[in-house]
């Protein structure tokens, strides 16, 4: 690949990632409001309170060889971007912390071999495990995926309601022009 082509591909990739992070940014305020509403109405189980939850620090999908660190994914209001790197996955802090009560935990990463590239091989029955800062583990089973536009922000509108689930987000398509959302359901949630 010549330098000009490589530059064009990298520029396209950067623009696609910037679009994905712009989507996350548009839902930042709504998600914060949803957090406040959720905190007011949540009914935690006796062994787990929302106050005891902690952020994810590791994501594993053993069937496809994923085992990567997770860092907080925060939105930079000045730059209008979400943080991302080539060495870690990120927990979108506007979504729910992993728990057995309710809500969607969203973790995103680049579509590279060292990060979420292998998610294209996830199959029915595969599991994903999230380890939190406090050492708690949450195991989820794969239930399907969607490919959406970078401007689709629906997942942030209800991220603090519904049964506990995990969504892994990465780029997809020939030029990474779409976003692949892999949906996982919590195994044996507390009742």
C-alpha atoms as a PDB file:
ATOM      1  CA  UNK A   1       0.000   0.000   0.000  1.00  0.00           C
ATOM      2  CA  UNK A   2       1.505   3.328  -0.977  1.00  0.00           C
ATOM      3  CA  UNK A   3       1.752   6.289   1.382  1.00  0.00           C
ATOM      4  CA  UNK A   4      -1.104   8.179  -0.237  1.00  0.00           C
ATOM      5  CA  UNK A   5      -3.481   5.221   0.042  1.00  0.00           C
ATOM      6  CA  UNK A   6      -2.422   4.532   3.623  1.00  0.00           C
ATOM      7  CA  UNK A   7      -3.024   8.182   4.527  1.00  0.00           C
ATOM      8  CA  UNK A   8      -6.476   8.098   2.915  1.00  0.00           C
ATOM      9  CA  UNK A   9      -7.402   4.891   4.764  1.00  0.00           C
ATOM     10  CA  UNK A  10      -6.193   6.273   8.087  1.00  0.00           C
ATOM     11  CA  UNK A  11      -8.096   9.519   7.517  1.00  0.00           C
ATOM     12  CA  UNK A  12     -11.285   7.563   6.759  1.00  0.00           C
ATOM     13  CA  UNK A  13     -10.812   5.447   9.867  1.00  0.00           C
ATOM     14  CA  UNK A  14     -10.279   8.543  11.976  1.00  0.00           C
ATOM     15  CA  UNK A  15     -13.440  10.156  10.572  1.00  0.00           C
ATOM     16  CA  UNK A  16     -15.480   7.019  11.248  1.00  0.00           C
ATOM     17  CA  UNK A  17     -14.238   6.812  14.844  1.00  0.00           C
ATOM     18  CA  UNK A  18     -14.877  10.521  15.323  1.00  0.00           C
ATOM     19  CA  UNK A  19     -18.451   9.918  14.146  1.00  0.00           C
ATOM     20  CA  UNK A  20     -18.905   7.102  16.646  1.00  0.00           C
ATOM     21  CA  UNK A  21     -17.731   9.244  19.479  1.00  0.00           C
ATOM     22  CA  UNK A  22     -19.917  12.128  18.346  1.00  0.00           C
ATOM     23  CA  UNK A  23     -22.892   9.786  18.700  1.00  0.00           C
ATOM     24  CA  UNK A  24     -21.928   8.956  22.237  1.00  0.00           C
ATOM     25  CA  UNK A  25     -21.550  12.667  22.971  1.00  0.00           C
ATOM     26  CA  UNK A  26     -25.045  13.553  21.785  1.00  0.00           C
ATOM     27  CA  UNK A  27     -26.503  11.258  24.426  1.00  0.00           C
ATOM     28  CA  UNK A  28     -24.287  12.370  27.307  1.00  0.00           C
ATOM     29  CA  UNK A  29     -26.829  14.728  28.883  1.00  0.00           C
ATOM     30  CA  UNK A  30     -29.770  12.348  28.365  1.00  0.00           C
ATOM     31  CA  UNK A  31     -27.830   9.493  29.890  1.00  0.00           C
ATOM     32  CA  UNK A  32     -26.875  11.574  32.929  1.00  0.00           C
ATOM     33  CA  UNK A  33     -30.542  12.441  33.409  1.00  0.00           C
ATOM     34  CA  UNK A  34     -31.458   8.763  33.030  1.00  0.00           C
ATOM     35  CA  UNK A  35     -28.900   7.899  35.726  1.00  0.00           C
ATOM     36  CA  UNK A  36     -30.601  10.271  38.160  1.00  0.00           C
ATOM     37  CA  UNK A  37     -34.033   8.848  37.354  1.00  0.00           C
ATOM     38  CA  UNK A  38     -32.739   5.283  37.614  1.00  0.00           C
ATOM     39  CA  UNK A  39     -31.088   5.944  40.969  1.00  0.00           C
ATOM     40  CA  UNK A  40     -34.384   7.267  42.290  1.00  0.00           C
ATOM     41  CA  UNK A  41     -36.446   4.230  41.218  1.00  0.00           C
ATOM     42  CA  UNK A  42     -33.985   1.323  41.294  1.00  0.00           C
ATOM     43  CA  UNK A  43     -34.839  -1.542  43.628  1.00  0.00           C
ATOM     44  CA  UNK A  44     -31.513  -3.327  44.266  1.00  0.00           C
ATOM     45  CA  UNK A  45     -31.473  -6.877  45.533  1.00  0.00           C
ATOM     46  CA  UNK A  46     -30.486  -7.400  49.176  1.00  0.00           C
ATOM     47  CA  UNK A  47     -26.924  -8.523  48.419  1.00  0.00           C
ATOM     48  CA  UNK A  48     -26.050  -5.804  45.927  1.00  0.00           C
ATOM     49  CA  UNK A  49     -26.717  -2.103  46.233  1.00  0.00           C
ATOM     50  CA  UNK A  50     -26.058   0.433  43.529  1.00  0.00           C
ATOM     51  CA  UNK A  51     -23.659   2.190  45.901  1.00  0.00           C
ATOM     52  CA  UNK A  52     -21.487  -0.941  46.042  1.00  0.00           C
ATOM     53  CA  UNK A  53     -21.013  -1.173  42.264  1.00  0.00           C
ATOM     54  CA  UNK A  54     -17.688  -0.449  40.650  1.00  0.00           C
ATOM     55  CA  UNK A  55     -16.379   0.193  37.179  1.00  0.00           C
ATOM     56  CA  UNK A  56     -15.216  -2.582  34.844  1.00  0.00           C
ATOM     57  CA  UNK A  57     -11.453  -3.130  34.595  1.00  0.00           C
ATOM     58  CA  UNK A  58     -11.289  -6.220  32.347  1.00  0.00           C
ATOM     59  CA  UNK A  59     -13.371  -7.788  29.579  1.00  0.00           C
ATOM     60  CA  UNK A  60     -12.932 -11.402  28.467  1.00  0.00           C
ATOM     61  CA  UNK A  61     -14.555 -13.331  25.625  1.00  0.00           C
ATOM     62  CA  UNK A  62     -12.692 -16.659  25.931  1.00  0.00           C
ATOM     63  CA  UNK A  63     -14.126 -18.324  22.807  1.00  0.00           C
ATOM     64  CA  UNK A  64     -12.419 -15.752  20.565  1.00  0.00           C
ATOM     65  CA  UNK A  65      -9.362 -14.984  22.709  1.00  0.00           C
ATOM     66  CA  UNK A  66     -10.325 -11.538  23.986  1.00  0.00           C
ATOM     67  CA  UNK A  67      -8.863 -10.553  27.361  1.00  0.00           C
ATOM     68  CA  UNK A  68      -8.207  -6.821  27.543  1.00  0.00           C
ATOM     69  CA  UNK A  69      -8.113  -4.114  30.182  1.00  0.00           C
ATOM     70  CA  UNK A  70     -11.017  -1.678  30.414  1.00  0.00           C
ATOM     71  CA  UNK A  71     -10.623   2.009  31.199  1.00  0.00           C
ATOM     72  CA  UNK A  72     -13.299   4.655  31.821  1.00  0.00           C
ATOM     73  CA  UNK A  73     -14.643   6.058  28.557  1.00  0.00           C
ATOM     74  CA  UNK A  74     -15.329   9.715  29.097  1.00  0.00           C
ATOM     75  CA  UNK A  75     -16.530  12.422  26.793  1.00  0.00           C
ATOM     76  CA  UNK A  76     -14.329  15.505  26.333  1.00  0.00           C
ATOM     77  CA  UNK A  77     -16.704  18.466  25.990  1.00  0.00           C
ATOM     78  CA  UNK A  78     -13.967  20.727  24.586  1.00  0.00           C
ATOM     79  CA  UNK A  79     -12.775  18.357  21.866  1.00  0.00           C
ATOM     80  CA  UNK A  80     -16.219  16.770  21.333  1.00  0.00           C
ATOM     81  CA  UNK A  81     -14.673  13.277  21.401  1.00  0.00           C
ATOM     82  CA  UNK A  82     -14.617  10.115  23.478  1.00  0.00           C
ATOM     83  CA  UNK A  83     -11.294   8.697  24.594  1.00  0.00           C
ATOM     84  CA  UNK A  84      -9.987   5.591  22.834  1.00  0.00           C
ATOM     85  CA  UNK A  85      -6.609   3.924  22.358  1.00  0.00           C
ATOM     86  CA  UNK A  86      -5.001   0.944  20.661  1.00  0.00           C
ATOM     87  CA  UNK A  87      -4.283  -0.811  23.971  1.00  0.00           C
ATOM     88  CA  UNK A  88      -7.563  -0.965  25.918  1.00  0.00           C
ATOM     89  CA  UNK A  89     -11.326  -1.193  25.751  1.00  0.00           C
ATOM     90  CA  UNK A  90     -13.433   1.552  27.307  1.00  0.00           C
ATOM     91  CA  UNK A  91     -16.516   1.542  29.543  1.00  0.00           C
ATOM     92  CA  UNK A  92     -18.927   4.283  28.443  1.00  0.00           C
ATOM     93  CA  UNK A  93     -19.396   5.903  31.849  1.00  0.00           C
ATOM     94  CA  UNK A  94     -22.833   7.253  30.868  1.00  0.00           C
ATOM     95  CA  UNK A  95     -24.133   3.658  30.829  1.00  0.00           C
ATOM     96  CA  UNK A  96     -24.869   1.369  33.792  1.00  0.00           C
ATOM     97  CA  UNK A  97     -22.128  -0.179  35.901  1.00  0.00           C
ATOM     98  CA  UNK A  98     -22.186  -3.993  35.700  1.00  0.00           C
ATOM     99  CA  UNK A  99     -24.813  -5.249  38.161  1.00  0.00           C
ATOM    100  CA  UNK A 100     -27.518  -7.865  38.729  1.00  0.00           C
ATOM    101  CA  UNK A 101     -30.352  -5.336  38.996  1.00  0.00           C
ATOM    102  CA  UNK A 102     -30.875  -3.509  35.701  1.00  0.00           C
ATOM    103  CA  UNK A 103     -29.380  -1.547  32.869  1.00  0.00           C
ATOM    104  CA  UNK A 104     -26.992  -1.831  29.962  1.00  0.00           C
ATOM    105  CA  UNK A 105     -23.225  -1.749  30.364  1.00  0.00           C
ATOM    106  CA  UNK A 106     -21.518  -0.594  27.163  1.00  0.00           C
ATOM    107  CA  UNK A 107     -17.850  -1.321  26.471  1.00  0.00           C
ATOM    108  CA  UNK A 108     -16.242  -0.118  23.241  1.00  0.00           C
ATOM    109  CA  UNK A 109     -12.904  -0.673  21.520  1.00  0.00           C
ATOM    110  CA  UNK A 110     -11.180  -0.548  18.163  1.00  0.00           C
ATOM    111  CA  UNK A 111     -11.915  -3.294  15.625  1.00  0.00           C
ATOM    112  CA  UNK A 112      -8.318  -4.562  15.706  1.00  0.00           C
ATOM    113  CA  UNK A 113      -6.883  -8.023  16.316  1.00  0.00           C
ATOM    114  CA  UNK A 114      -5.651  -7.035  19.778  1.00  0.00           C
ATOM    115  CA  UNK A 115      -8.990  -5.583  20.867  1.00  0.00           C
ATOM    116  CA  UNK A 116     -12.519  -6.220  19.494  1.00  0.00           C
ATOM    117  CA  UNK A 117     -11.639  -7.486  15.999  1.00  0.00           C
ATOM    118  CA  UNK A 118     -12.169 -11.126  17.096  1.00  0.00           C
ATOM    119  CA  UNK A 119     -15.791 -10.324  18.046  1.00  0.00           C
ATOM    120  CA  UNK A 120     -16.709 -11.078  14.415  1.00  0.00           C
ATOM    121  CA  UNK A 121     -16.261 -14.765  15.358  1.00  0.00           C
ATOM    122  CA  UNK A 122     -18.551 -14.752  18.429  1.00  0.00           C
ATOM    123  CA  UNK A 123     -21.269 -17.420  18.189  1.00  0.00           C
ATOM    124  CA  UNK A 124     -24.422 -18.406  20.039  1.00  0.00           C
ATOM    125  CA  UNK A 125     -23.559 -19.742  23.483  1.00  0.00           C
ATOM    126  CA  UNK A 126     -20.273 -17.832  23.790  1.00  0.00           C
ATOM    127  CA  UNK A 127     -19.797 -15.883  26.998  1.00  0.00           C
ATOM    128  CA  UNK A 128     -18.283 -12.575  27.991  1.00  0.00           C
ATOM    129  CA  UNK A 129     -17.037 -11.889  31.509  1.00  0.00           C
ATOM    130  CA  UNK A 130     -16.562  -8.455  33.011  1.00  0.00           C
ATOM    131  CA  UNK A 131     -14.337  -8.024  36.069  1.00  0.00           C
ATOM    132  CA  UNK A 132     -14.887  -4.886  38.138  1.00  0.00           C
ATOM    133  CA  UNK A 133     -12.500  -2.797  40.180  1.00  0.00           C
ATOM    134  CA  UNK A 134     -13.878  -4.371  43.372  1.00  0.00           C
ATOM    135  CA  UNK A 135     -13.177  -7.891  42.028  1.00  0.00           C
ATOM    136  CA  UNK A 136     -16.786  -8.799  41.218  1.00  0.00           C
ATOM    137  CA  UNK A 137     -17.339 -10.793  38.029  1.00  0.00           C
ATOM    138  CA  UNK A 138     -20.376 -10.711  35.776  1.00  0.00           C
ATOM    139  CA  UNK A 139     -20.778 -13.351  33.083  1.00  0.00           C
ATOM    140  CA  UNK A 140     -23.032 -12.802  30.102  1.00  0.00           C
ATOM    141  CA  UNK A 141     -24.114 -15.022  27.202  1.00  0.00           C
ATOM    142  CA  UNK A 142     -24.203 -13.850  23.596  1.00  0.00           C
ATOM    143  CA  UNK A 143     -27.693 -13.345  22.162  1.00  0.00           C
ATOM    144  CA  UNK A 144     -27.167 -11.496  18.883  1.00  0.00           C
ATOM    145  CA  UNK A 145     -25.842  -8.425  17.184  1.00  0.00           C
ATOM    146  CA  UNK A 146     -26.916  -5.383  15.217  1.00  0.00           C
ATOM    147  CA  UNK A 147     -25.074  -3.218  12.747  1.00  0.00           C
ATOM    148  CA  UNK A 148     -26.122   0.397  13.097  1.00  0.00           C
ATOM    149  CA  UNK A 149     -25.198   3.795  11.763  1.00  0.00           C
ATOM    150  CA  UNK A 150     -22.671   5.850  13.753  1.00  0.00           C
ATOM    151  CA  UNK A 151     -25.496   8.335  14.362  1.00  0.00           C
ATOM    152  CA  UNK A 152     -27.784   5.748  16.013  1.00  0.00           C
ATOM    153  CA  UNK A 153     -27.944   6.665  19.695  1.00  0.00           C
ATOM    154  CA  UNK A 154     -30.885   4.510  20.793  1.00  0.00           C
ATOM    155  CA  UNK A 155     -28.778   2.395  23.169  1.00  0.00           C
ATOM    156  CA  UNK A 156     -28.101   5.417  25.360  1.00  0.00           C
ATOM    157  CA  UNK A 157     -31.758   6.305  25.738  1.00  0.00           C
ATOM    158  CA  UNK A 158     -32.537   3.263  27.883  1.00  0.00           C
ATOM    159  CA  UNK A 159     -29.134   2.302  29.254  1.00  0.00           C
ATOM    160  CA  UNK A 160     -30.323   2.425  32.870  1.00  0.00           C
ATOM    161  CA  UNK A 161     -33.479   0.350  32.524  1.00  0.00           C
ATOM    162  CA  UNK A 162     -34.401  -3.186  31.580  1.00  0.00           C
ATOM    163  CA  UNK A 163     -32.711  -6.402  32.597  1.00  0.00           C
ATOM    164  CA  UNK A 164     -28.924  -6.375  33.096  1.00  0.00           C
ATOM    165  CA  UNK A 165     -27.044  -6.710  29.838  1.00  0.00           C
ATOM    166  CA  UNK A 166     -23.712  -6.012  28.209  1.00  0.00           C
ATOM    167  CA  UNK A 167     -23.150  -4.452  24.798  1.00  0.00           C
ATOM    168  CA  UNK A 168     -19.764  -4.568  23.103  1.00  0.00           C
ATOM    169  CA  UNK A 169     -19.371  -1.871  20.435  1.00  0.00           C
ATOM    170  CA  UNK A 170     -16.820  -1.761  17.652  1.00  0.00           C
ATOM    171  CA  UNK A 171     -16.582  -0.549  14.060  1.00  0.00           C
ATOM    172  CA  UNK A 172     -17.649  -2.763  11.162  1.00  0.00           C
ATOM    173  CA  UNK A 173     -18.005  -2.651   7.409  1.00  0.00           C
ATOM    174  CA  UNK A 174     -15.423  -2.390   4.631  1.00  0.00           C
ATOM    175  CA  UNK A 175     -14.402   1.108   5.705  1.00  0.00           C
ATOM    176  CA  UNK A 176     -15.596   0.825   9.321  1.00  0.00           C
ATOM    177  CA  UNK A 177     -18.602   2.902   8.329  1.00  0.00           C
ATOM    178  CA  UNK A 178     -21.043   1.108  10.653  1.00  0.00           C
ATOM    179  CA  UNK A 179     -21.040   0.078  14.293  1.00  0.00           C
ATOM    180  CA  UNK A 180     -21.461  -3.531  15.400  1.00  0.00           C
ATOM    181  CA  UNK A 181     -23.321  -3.919  18.676  1.00  0.00           C
ATOM    182  CA  UNK A 182     -22.934  -7.355  20.261  1.00  0.00           C
ATOM    183  CA  UNK A 183     -25.681  -8.025  22.807  1.00  0.00           C
ATOM    184  CA  UNK A 184     -25.016 -10.239  25.831  1.00  0.00           C
ATOM    185  CA  UNK A 185     -27.514 -11.195  28.541  1.00  0.00           C
ATOM    186  CA  UNK A 186     -26.489 -11.675  32.179  1.00  0.00           C
ATOM    187  CA  UNK A 187     -26.321 -15.353  33.169  1.00  0.00           C
ATOM    188  CA  UNK A 188     -28.292 -16.279  36.305  1.00  0.00           C
ATOM    189  CA  UNK A 189     -29.143 -12.762  37.467  1.00  0.00           C
ATOM    190  CA  UNK A 190     -30.180 -12.421  41.101  1.00  0.00           C
ATOM    191  CA  UNK A 191     -33.932 -12.289  41.538  1.00  0.00           C
END
